[in-house]
Structure formats: C-alpha cells, structure tokens
Amino acid sequence: MPSGKAWTVRDRYGNEIYLTWERWVHIIDPDNHAEVEPFFDYIAETIRTGLRRQDMYDVNSYQ
C-alpha cells in the first residue's frame, strides 16, 4: 500500500482537502464501499467543484 496523500484539492471555498492512501484503502475495503473504487478521480473533482451547505443548527455539520 502506498503511503501519504493520494490527492489534495481545494474546494470552491479555498479549503485544502486531502485523501490519504490509508483512508482510500479503508473506503474500498469489501466490507465498506468497494463499489466506489472506479470513481477515485471523480471523488476529488466532486469535492473541488461540489456544493455544500452548512447545517443551520449545527455549525460543524455540512450537507
């Protein structure tokens, strides 16, 4: 398994968001979400361009 960051992107608000290889391996584990493995690059692009809204009742939660 590679170590370190798999990718780093900036979201539309300028926040740096990264995914580590360790977390990616956890995500695509057959007991978790193996079906997302083909979408590795798409996930980074979605984070970079996607919309999110802060929950009006919980400032630490986003939708």
C-alpha atoms as a PDB file:
ATOM      1  CA  MET A   1       0.000   0.000   0.000  1.00  0.00           C
ATOM      2  CA  PRO A   2       1.362   3.447  -0.877  1.00  0.00           C
ATOM      3  CA  SER A   3       1.730   5.923   1.972  1.00  0.00           C
ATOM      4  CA  GLY A   4       0.949   9.602   2.243  1.00  0.00           C
ATOM      5  CA  LYS A   5      -1.665  11.610   0.399  1.00  0.00           C
ATOM      6  CA  ALA A   6      -3.480  10.135  -2.570  1.00  0.00           C
ATOM      7  CA  TRP A   7      -4.597  13.593  -3.722  1.00  0.00           C
ATOM      8  CA  THR A   8      -5.054  17.122  -2.445  1.00  0.00           C
ATOM      9  CA  VAL A   9      -7.636  19.553  -3.823  1.00  0.00           C
ATOM     10  CA  ARG A  10      -9.014  22.940  -2.870  1.00  0.00           C
ATOM     11  CA  ASP A  11     -12.754  23.178  -2.567  1.00  0.00           C
ATOM     12  CA  ARG A  12     -14.683  26.108  -4.002  1.00  0.00           C
ATOM     13  CA  TYR A  13     -14.176  27.964  -0.712  1.00  0.00           C
ATOM     14  CA  GLY A  14     -10.389  27.607  -0.844  1.00  0.00           C
ATOM     15  CA  ASN A  15     -10.142  24.915   1.838  1.00  0.00           C
ATOM     16  CA  GLU A  16      -7.465  22.285   1.264  1.00  0.00           C
ATOM     17  CA  ILE A  17      -8.918  18.787   1.401  1.00  0.00           C
ATOM     18  CA  TYR A  18      -6.875  15.639   1.015  1.00  0.00           C
ATOM     19  CA  LEU A  19      -7.348  11.893   0.942  1.00  0.00           C
ATOM     20  CA  THR A  20      -4.670   9.579   2.279  1.00  0.00           C
ATOM     21  CA  TRP A  21      -3.972   6.191   0.756  1.00  0.00           C
ATOM     22  CA  GLU A  22      -4.711   4.614   4.129  1.00  0.00           C
ATOM     23  CA  ARG A  23      -8.240   6.089   4.120  1.00  0.00           C
ATOM     24  CA  TRP A  24      -8.767   5.147   0.456  1.00  0.00           C
ATOM     25  CA  VAL A  25      -7.878   1.521   1.190  1.00  0.00           C
ATOM     26  CA  HIS A  26     -10.319   1.607   4.119  1.00  0.00           C
ATOM     27  CA  ILE A  27     -13.089   3.068   1.925  1.00  0.00           C
ATOM     28  CA  ILE A  28     -12.730   0.486  -0.844  1.00  0.00           C
ATOM     29  CA  ASP A  29     -12.462  -2.448   1.534  1.00  0.00           C
ATOM     30  CA  PRO A  30     -15.057  -5.096   0.545  1.00  0.00           C
ATOM     31  CA  ASP A  31     -16.731  -4.630   3.941  1.00  0.00           C
ATOM     32  CA  ASN A  32     -17.156  -0.896   3.333  1.00  0.00           C
ATOM     33  CA  HIS A  33     -17.692   0.710  -0.089  1.00  0.00           C
ATOM     34  CA  ALA A  34     -15.825  -1.342  -2.693  1.00  0.00           C
ATOM     35  CA  GLU A  35     -18.236  -0.047  -5.343  1.00  0.00           C
ATOM     36  CA  VAL A  36     -16.612   3.416  -5.302  1.00  0.00           C
ATOM     37  CA  GLU A  37     -13.162   2.182  -6.371  1.00  0.00           C
ATOM     38  CA  PRO A  38     -13.647   3.140 -10.064  1.00  0.00           C
ATOM     39  CA  PHE A  39     -14.534   6.708  -9.028  1.00  0.00           C
ATOM     40  CA  PHE A  40     -11.213   7.697  -7.432  1.00  0.00           C
ATOM     41  CA  ASP A  41     -10.648  10.772  -9.647  1.00  0.00           C
ATOM     42  CA  TYR A  42     -14.326  11.681  -9.773  1.00  0.00           C
ATOM     43  CA  ILE A  43     -14.447  11.955  -5.963  1.00  0.00           C
ATOM     44  CA  ALA A  44     -11.661  14.552  -5.941  1.00  0.00           C
ATOM     45  CA  GLU A  45     -13.380  16.519  -8.708  1.00  0.00           C
ATOM     46  CA  THR A  46     -16.706  16.423  -6.857  1.00  0.00           C
ATOM     47  CA  ILE A  47     -15.070  17.813  -3.727  1.00  0.00           C
ATOM     48  CA  ARG A  48     -13.331  20.516  -5.767  1.00  0.00           C
ATOM     49  CA  THR A  49     -16.460  21.713  -7.581  1.00  0.00           C
ATOM     50  CA  GLY A  50     -19.341  20.448  -5.475  1.00  0.00           C
ATOM     51  CA  LEU A  51     -21.775  22.460  -3.435  1.00  0.00           C
ATOM     52  CA  ARG A  52     -22.122  22.079   0.277  1.00  0.00           C
ATOM     53  CA  ARG A  53     -24.278  23.854   2.789  1.00  0.00           C
ATOM     54  CA  GLN A  54     -23.587  24.373   6.445  1.00  0.00           C
ATOM     55  CA  ASP A  55     -26.300  22.929   8.663  1.00  0.00           C
ATOM     56  CA  MET A  56     -28.211  25.829  10.205  1.00  0.00           C
ATOM     57  CA  TYR A  57     -28.492  24.053  13.558  1.00  0.00           C
ATOM     58  CA  ASP A  58     -25.013  22.508  13.772  1.00  0.00           C
ATOM     59  CA  VAL A  59     -22.126  24.721  12.598  1.00  0.00           C
ATOM     60  CA  ASN A  60     -19.814  21.680  12.469  1.00  0.00           C
ATOM     61  CA  SER A  61     -22.038  19.813  10.024  1.00  0.00           C
ATOM     62  CA  TYR A  62     -22.293  20.239   6.268  1.00  0.00           C
ATOM     63  CA  GLN A  63     -24.668  18.764   3.704  1.00  0.00           C
END
